[in-house]
């Protein structure tokens, strides 16, 4: 659960700065979609949370 909350904060912060700067790129779209999925906790949030956890766990092994 702590990973989800920190990802929501990270996506929210990045989205805020992207919207403020007026950037409309594929990266901004991905950030907005990720923020929405993590914040809303829809049915798709479970697999997305599992994927994010797997990616975070894999980072030290790189």
PDB file of N, CA and C in Angstrom:
ATOM      1  N   UNK A   1       0.823  -1.192   0.000  1.00  0.00           N
ATOM      2  CA  UNK A   1       0.000   0.000   0.000  1.00  0.00           C
ATOM      3  C   UNK A   1       0.868   1.258   0.000  1.00  0.00           C
ATOM      4  N   UNK A   2       1.990   1.232   0.681  1.00  0.00           N
ATOM      5  CA  UNK A   2       2.853   2.403   0.722  1.00  0.00           C
ATOM      6  C   UNK A   2       3.405   2.730  -0.660  1.00  0.00           C
ATOM      7  N   UNK A   3       3.669   1.700  -1.476  1.00  0.00           N
ATOM      8  CA  UNK A   3       4.168   1.936  -2.827  1.00  0.00           C
ATOM      9  C   UNK A   3       3.106   2.647  -3.651  1.00  0.00           C
ATOM     10  N   UNK A   4       1.849   2.251  -3.511  1.00  0.00           N
ATOM     11  CA  UNK A   4       0.770   2.874  -4.266  1.00  0.00           C
ATOM     12  C   UNK A   4       0.634   4.346  -3.903  1.00  0.00           C
ATOM     13  N   UNK A   5       0.674   4.669  -2.626  1.00  0.00           N
ATOM     14  CA  UNK A   5       0.533   6.060  -2.215  1.00  0.00           C
ATOM     15  C   UNK A   5       1.685   6.904  -2.721  1.00  0.00           C
ATOM     16  N   UNK A   6       2.889   6.381  -2.683  1.00  0.00           N
ATOM     17  CA  UNK A   6       4.016   7.167  -3.157  1.00  0.00           C
ATOM     18  C   UNK A   6       3.961   7.329  -4.673  1.00  0.00           C
ATOM     19  N   UNK A   7       3.484   6.320  -5.404  1.00  0.00           N
ATOM     20  CA  UNK A   7       3.342   6.460  -6.848  1.00  0.00           C
ATOM     21  C   UNK A   7       2.268   7.473  -7.203  1.00  0.00           C
ATOM     22  N   UNK A   8       1.191   7.520  -6.433  1.00  0.00           N
ATOM     23  CA  UNK A   8       0.155   8.523  -6.668  1.00  0.00           C
ATOM     24  C   UNK A   8       0.735   9.914  -6.475  1.00  0.00           C
ATOM     25  N   UNK A   9       1.504  10.098  -5.418  1.00  0.00           N
ATOM     26  CA  UNK A   9       2.122  11.405  -5.176  1.00  0.00           C
ATOM     27  C   UNK A   9       3.101  11.761  -6.293  1.00  0.00           C
ATOM     28  N   UNK A  10       3.889  10.787  -6.736  1.00  0.00           N
ATOM     29  CA  UNK A  10       4.854  11.037  -7.804  1.00  0.00           C
ATOM     30  C   UNK A  10       4.149  11.388  -9.108  1.00  0.00           C
ATOM     31  N   UNK A  11       3.153  10.580  -9.504  1.00  0.00           N
ATOM     32  CA  UNK A  11       2.415  10.868 -10.725  1.00  0.00           C
ATOM     33  C   UNK A  11       1.686  12.206 -10.630  1.00  0.00           C
ATOM     34  N   UNK A  12       1.124  12.516  -9.487  1.00  0.00           N
ATOM     35  CA  UNK A  12       0.429  13.785  -9.312  1.00  0.00           C
ATOM     36  C   UNK A  12       1.364  14.969  -9.452  1.00  0.00           C
ATOM     37  N   UNK A  13       2.546  14.870  -8.862  1.00  0.00           N
ATOM     38  CA  UNK A  13       3.520  15.956  -8.954  1.00  0.00           C
ATOM     39  C   UNK A  13       4.003  16.151 -10.385  1.00  0.00           C
ATOM     40  N   UNK A  14       4.326  15.055 -11.056  1.00  0.00           N
ATOM     41  CA  UNK A  14       4.776  15.156 -12.444  1.00  0.00           C
ATOM     42  C   UNK A  14       3.669  15.709 -13.332  1.00  0.00           C
ATOM     43  N   UNK A  15       2.446  15.234 -13.133  1.00  0.00           N
ATOM     44  CA  UNK A  15       1.320  15.726 -13.925  1.00  0.00           C
ATOM     45  C   UNK A  15       1.088  17.212 -13.704  1.00  0.00           C
ATOM     46  N   UNK A  16       1.207  17.665 -12.454  1.00  0.00           N
ATOM     47  CA  UNK A  16       1.044  19.089 -12.151  1.00  0.00           C
ATOM     48  C   UNK A  16       2.038  19.929 -12.949  1.00  0.00           C
ATOM     49  N   UNK A  17       3.312  19.533 -12.940  1.00  0.00           N
ATOM     50  CA  UNK A  17       4.323  20.312 -13.648  1.00  0.00           C
ATOM     51  C   UNK A  17       4.160  20.231 -15.161  1.00  0.00           C
ATOM     52  N   UNK A  18       3.731  19.068 -15.675  1.00  0.00           N
ATOM     53  CA  UNK A  18       3.501  18.958 -17.115  1.00  0.00           C
ATOM     54  C   UNK A  18       2.335  19.828 -17.553  1.00  0.00           C
ATOM     55  N   UNK A  19       1.275  19.836 -16.772  1.00  0.00           N
ATOM     56  CA  UNK A  19       0.132  20.687 -17.123  1.00  0.00           C
ATOM     57  C   UNK A  19       0.473  22.158 -16.998  1.00  0.00           C
ATOM     58  N   UNK A  20       1.248  22.492 -16.001  1.00  0.00           N
ATOM     59  CA  UNK A  20       1.619  23.894 -15.798  1.00  0.00           C
ATOM     60  C   UNK A  20       2.502  24.419 -16.933  1.00  0.00           C
ATOM     61  N   UNK A  21       3.385  23.555 -17.434  1.00  0.00           N
ATOM     62  CA  UNK A  21       4.276  23.990 -18.508  1.00  0.00           C
ATOM     63  C   UNK A  21       3.602  23.978 -19.870  1.00  0.00           C
ATOM     64  N   UNK A  22       2.412  23.379 -19.964  1.00  0.00           N
ATOM     65  CA  UNK A  22       1.708  23.338 -21.231  1.00  0.00           C
ATOM     66  C   UNK A  22       2.171  22.227 -22.147  1.00  0.00           C
ATOM     67  N   UNK A  23       2.899  21.275 -21.617  1.00  0.00           N
ATOM     68  CA  UNK A  23       3.374  20.155 -22.430  1.00  0.00           C
ATOM     69  C   UNK A  23       2.235  19.186 -22.706  1.00  0.00           C
ATOM     70  N   UNK A  24       2.111  18.811 -23.936  1.00  0.00           N
ATOM     71  CA  UNK A  24       1.136  17.792 -24.298  1.00  0.00           C
ATOM     72  C   UNK A  24       1.871  16.773 -25.154  1.00  0.00           C
ATOM     73  N   UNK A  25       2.458  15.802 -24.507  1.00  0.00           N
ATOM     74  CA  UNK A  25       3.266  14.785 -25.166  1.00  0.00           C
ATOM     75  C   UNK A  25       2.740  13.408 -24.788  1.00  0.00           C
ATOM     76  N   UNK A  26       3.220  12.369 -25.439  1.00  0.00           N
ATOM     77  CA  UNK A  26       2.836  11.024 -25.019  1.00  0.00           C
ATOM     78  C   UNK A  26       3.228  10.734 -23.561  1.00  0.00           C
ATOM     79  N   UNK A  27       4.315  11.298 -23.109  1.00  0.00           N
ATOM     80  CA  UNK A  27       4.718  11.131 -21.711  1.00  0.00           C
ATOM     81  C   UNK A  27       3.707  11.729 -20.755  1.00  0.00           C
ATOM     82  N   UNK A  28       3.156  12.881 -21.105  1.00  0.00           N
ATOM     83  CA  UNK A  28       2.137  13.508 -20.273  1.00  0.00           C
ATOM     84  C   UNK A  28       0.871  12.666 -20.249  1.00  0.00           C
ATOM     85  N   UNK A  29       0.527  12.087 -21.388  1.00  0.00           N
ATOM     86  CA  UNK A  29      -0.659  11.227 -21.446  1.00  0.00           C
ATOM     87  C   UNK A  29      -0.460   9.990 -20.575  1.00  0.00           C
ATOM     88  N   UNK A  30       0.709   9.382 -20.621  1.00  0.00           N
ATOM     89  CA  UNK A  30       1.000   8.215 -19.782  1.00  0.00           C
ATOM     90  C   UNK A  30       0.950   8.588 -18.311  1.00  0.00           C
ATOM     91  N   UNK A  31       1.502   9.736 -17.963  1.00  0.00           N
ATOM     92  CA  UNK A  31       1.492  10.186 -16.572  1.00  0.00           C
ATOM     93  C   UNK A  31       0.065  10.407 -16.086  1.00  0.00           C
ATOM     94  N   UNK A  32      -0.754  11.035 -16.899  1.00  0.00           N
ATOM     95  CA  UNK A  32      -2.147  11.278 -16.518  1.00  0.00           C
ATOM     96  C   UNK A  32      -2.910   9.965 -16.364  1.00  0.00           C
ATOM     97  N   UNK A  33      -2.696   9.036 -17.278  1.00  0.00           N
ATOM     98  CA  UNK A  33      -3.379   7.744 -17.194  1.00  0.00           C
ATOM     99  C   UNK A  33      -2.925   6.971 -15.956  1.00  0.00           C
ATOM    100  N   UNK A  34      -1.633   6.963 -15.691  1.00  0.00           N
ATOM    101  CA  UNK A  34      -1.123   6.283 -14.495  1.00  0.00           C
ATOM    102  C   UNK A  34      -1.659   6.903 -13.225  1.00  0.00           C
ATOM    103  N   UNK A  35      -1.701   8.216 -13.179  1.00  0.00           N
ATOM    104  CA  UNK A  35      -2.241   8.912 -12.015  1.00  0.00           C
ATOM    105  C   UNK A  35      -3.704   8.544 -11.808  1.00  0.00           C
ATOM    106  N   UNK A  36      -4.465   8.518 -12.868  1.00  0.00           N
ATOM    107  CA  UNK A  36      -5.880   8.172 -12.774  1.00  0.00           C
ATOM    108  C   UNK A  36      -6.108   6.749 -12.299  1.00  0.00           C
ATOM    109  N   UNK A  37      -5.344   5.805 -12.825  1.00  0.00           N
ATOM    110  CA  UNK A  37      -5.518   4.414 -12.417  1.00  0.00           C
ATOM    111  C   UNK A  37      -5.156   4.218 -10.952  1.00  0.00           C
ATOM    112  N   UNK A  38      -4.039   4.770 -10.521  1.00  0.00           N
ATOM    113  CA  UNK A  38      -3.635   4.583  -9.132  1.00  0.00           C
ATOM    114  C   UNK A  38      -4.565   5.320  -8.177  1.00  0.00           C
ATOM    115  N   UNK A  39      -5.048   6.468  -8.556  1.00  0.00           N
ATOM    116  CA  UNK A  39      -5.893   7.254  -7.675  1.00  0.00           C
ATOM    117  C   UNK A  39      -7.294   6.667  -7.567  1.00  0.00           C
ATOM    118  N   UNK A  40      -7.850   6.243  -8.666  1.00  0.00           N
ATOM    119  CA  UNK A  40      -9.222   5.751  -8.672  1.00  0.00           C
ATOM    120  C   UNK A  40      -9.355   4.328  -8.158  1.00  0.00           C
ATOM    121  N   UNK A  41      -8.281   3.552  -8.212  1.00  0.00           N
ATOM    122  CA  UNK A  41      -8.310   2.144  -7.799  1.00  0.00           C
ATOM    123  C   UNK A  41      -9.438   1.386  -8.486  1.00  0.00           C
ATOM    124  N   UNK A  42      -9.432   1.453  -9.801  1.00  0.00           N
ATOM    125  CA  UNK A  42     -10.414   0.713 -10.586  1.00  0.00           C
ATOM    126  C   UNK A  42     -10.043  -0.760 -10.599  1.00  0.00           C
ATOM    127  N   UNK A  43     -10.787  -1.535 -11.348  1.00  0.00           N
ATOM    128  CA  UNK A  43     -10.491  -2.954 -11.470  1.00  0.00           C
ATOM    129  C   UNK A  43      -9.137  -3.200 -12.113  1.00  0.00           C
ATOM    130  N   UNK A  44      -8.676  -2.273 -12.920  1.00  0.00           N
ATOM    131  CA  UNK A  44      -7.374  -2.411 -13.564  1.00  0.00           C
ATOM    132  C   UNK A  44      -6.232  -2.018 -12.636  1.00  0.00           C
ATOM    133  N   UNK A  45      -6.539  -1.438 -11.494  1.00  0.00           N
ATOM    134  CA  UNK A  45      -5.491  -0.968 -10.591  1.00  0.00           C
ATOM    135  C   UNK A  45      -4.700  -2.128  -9.996  1.00  0.00           C
ATOM    136  N   UNK A  46      -5.349  -3.264  -9.760  1.00  0.00           N
ATOM    137  CA  UNK A  46      -4.649  -4.427  -9.191  1.00  0.00           C
ATOM    138  C   UNK A  46      -3.486  -4.885 -10.052  1.00  0.00           C
ATOM    139  N   UNK A  47      -3.726  -5.194 -11.333  1.00  0.00           N
ATOM    140  CA  UNK A  47      -2.608  -5.581 -12.200  1.00  0.00           C
ATOM    141  C   UNK A  47      -1.565  -4.479 -12.381  1.00  0.00           C
ATOM    142  N   UNK A  48      -2.018  -3.222 -12.431  1.00  0.00           N
ATOM    143  CA  UNK A  48      -1.069  -2.116 -12.571  1.00  0.00           C
ATOM    144  C   UNK A  48      -0.208  -2.006 -11.317  1.00  0.00           C
ATOM    145  N   UNK A  49      -0.807  -2.168 -10.132  1.00  0.00           N
ATOM    146  CA  UNK A  49      -0.043  -2.147  -8.886  1.00  0.00           C
ATOM    147  C   UNK A  49       0.963  -3.291  -8.850  1.00  0.00           C
ATOM    148  N   UNK A  50       0.554  -4.467  -9.308  1.00  0.00           N
ATOM    149  CA  UNK A  50       1.467  -5.612  -9.325  1.00  0.00           C
ATOM    150  C   UNK A  50       2.626  -5.366 -10.282  1.00  0.00           C
ATOM    151  N   UNK A  51       2.344  -4.778 -11.445  1.00  0.00           N
ATOM    152  CA  UNK A  51       3.400  -4.478 -12.401  1.00  0.00           C
ATOM    153  C   UNK A  51       4.358  -3.432 -11.841  1.00  0.00           C
ATOM    154  N   UNK A  52       3.819  -2.397 -11.196  1.00  0.00           N
ATOM    155  CA  UNK A  52       4.670  -1.357 -10.612  1.00  0.00           C
ATOM    156  C   UNK A  52       5.530  -1.935  -9.496  1.00  0.00           C
ATOM    157  N   UNK A  53       4.953  -2.805  -8.674  1.00  0.00           N
ATOM    158  CA  UNK A  53       5.716  -3.444  -7.600  1.00  0.00           C
ATOM    159  C   UNK A  53       6.822  -4.311  -8.175  1.00  0.00           C
ATOM    160  N   UNK A  54       6.525  -5.060  -9.227  1.00  0.00           N
ATOM    161  CA  UNK A  54       7.537  -5.900  -9.865  1.00  0.00           C
ATOM    162  C   UNK A  54       8.662  -5.051 -10.448  1.00  0.00           C
ATOM    163  N   UNK A  55       8.310  -3.922 -11.071  1.00  0.00           N
ATOM    164  CA  UNK A  55       9.345  -3.038 -11.624  1.00  0.00           C
ATOM    165  C   UNK A  55      10.209  -2.434 -10.525  1.00  0.00           C
ATOM    166  N   UNK A  56       9.565  -2.023  -9.433  1.00  0.00           N
ATOM    167  CA  UNK A  56      10.322  -1.439  -8.318  1.00  0.00           C
ATOM    168  C   UNK A  56      11.231  -2.476  -7.688  1.00  0.00           C
ATOM    169  N   UNK A  57      10.749  -3.710  -7.554  1.00  0.00           N
ATOM    170  CA  UNK A  57      11.577  -4.783  -6.999  1.00  0.00           C
ATOM    171  C   UNK A  57      12.720  -5.167  -7.930  1.00  0.00           C
ATOM    172  N   UNK A  58      12.539  -4.971  -9.244  1.00  0.00           N
ATOM    173  CA  UNK A  58      13.561  -5.333 -10.211  1.00  0.00           C
ATOM    174  C   UNK A  58      14.665  -4.295 -10.325  1.00  0.00           C
ATOM    175  N   UNK A  59      14.408  -3.065  -9.940  1.00  0.00           N
ATOM    176  CA  UNK A  59      15.397  -1.983 -10.107  1.00  0.00           C
ATOM    177  C   UNK A  59      16.732  -2.294  -9.400  1.00  0.00           C
ATOM    178  N   UNK A  60      16.731  -2.785  -8.146  1.00  0.00           N
ATOM    179  CA  UNK A  60      18.031  -3.071  -7.516  1.00  0.00           C
ATOM    180  C   UNK A  60      18.829  -4.173  -8.202  1.00  0.00           C
ATOM    181  N   UNK A  61      18.164  -5.024  -8.977  1.00  0.00           N
ATOM    182  CA  UNK A  61      18.843  -6.137  -9.649  1.00  0.00           C
ATOM    183  C   UNK A  61      19.454  -5.745 -10.988  1.00  0.00           C
ATOM    184  N   UNK A  62      19.222  -4.510 -11.409  1.00  0.00           N
ATOM    185  CA  UNK A  62      19.764  -4.071 -12.722  1.00  0.00           C
ATOM    186  C   UNK A  62      21.219  -3.738 -12.590  1.00  0.00           C
TER     187      UNK A  62
END
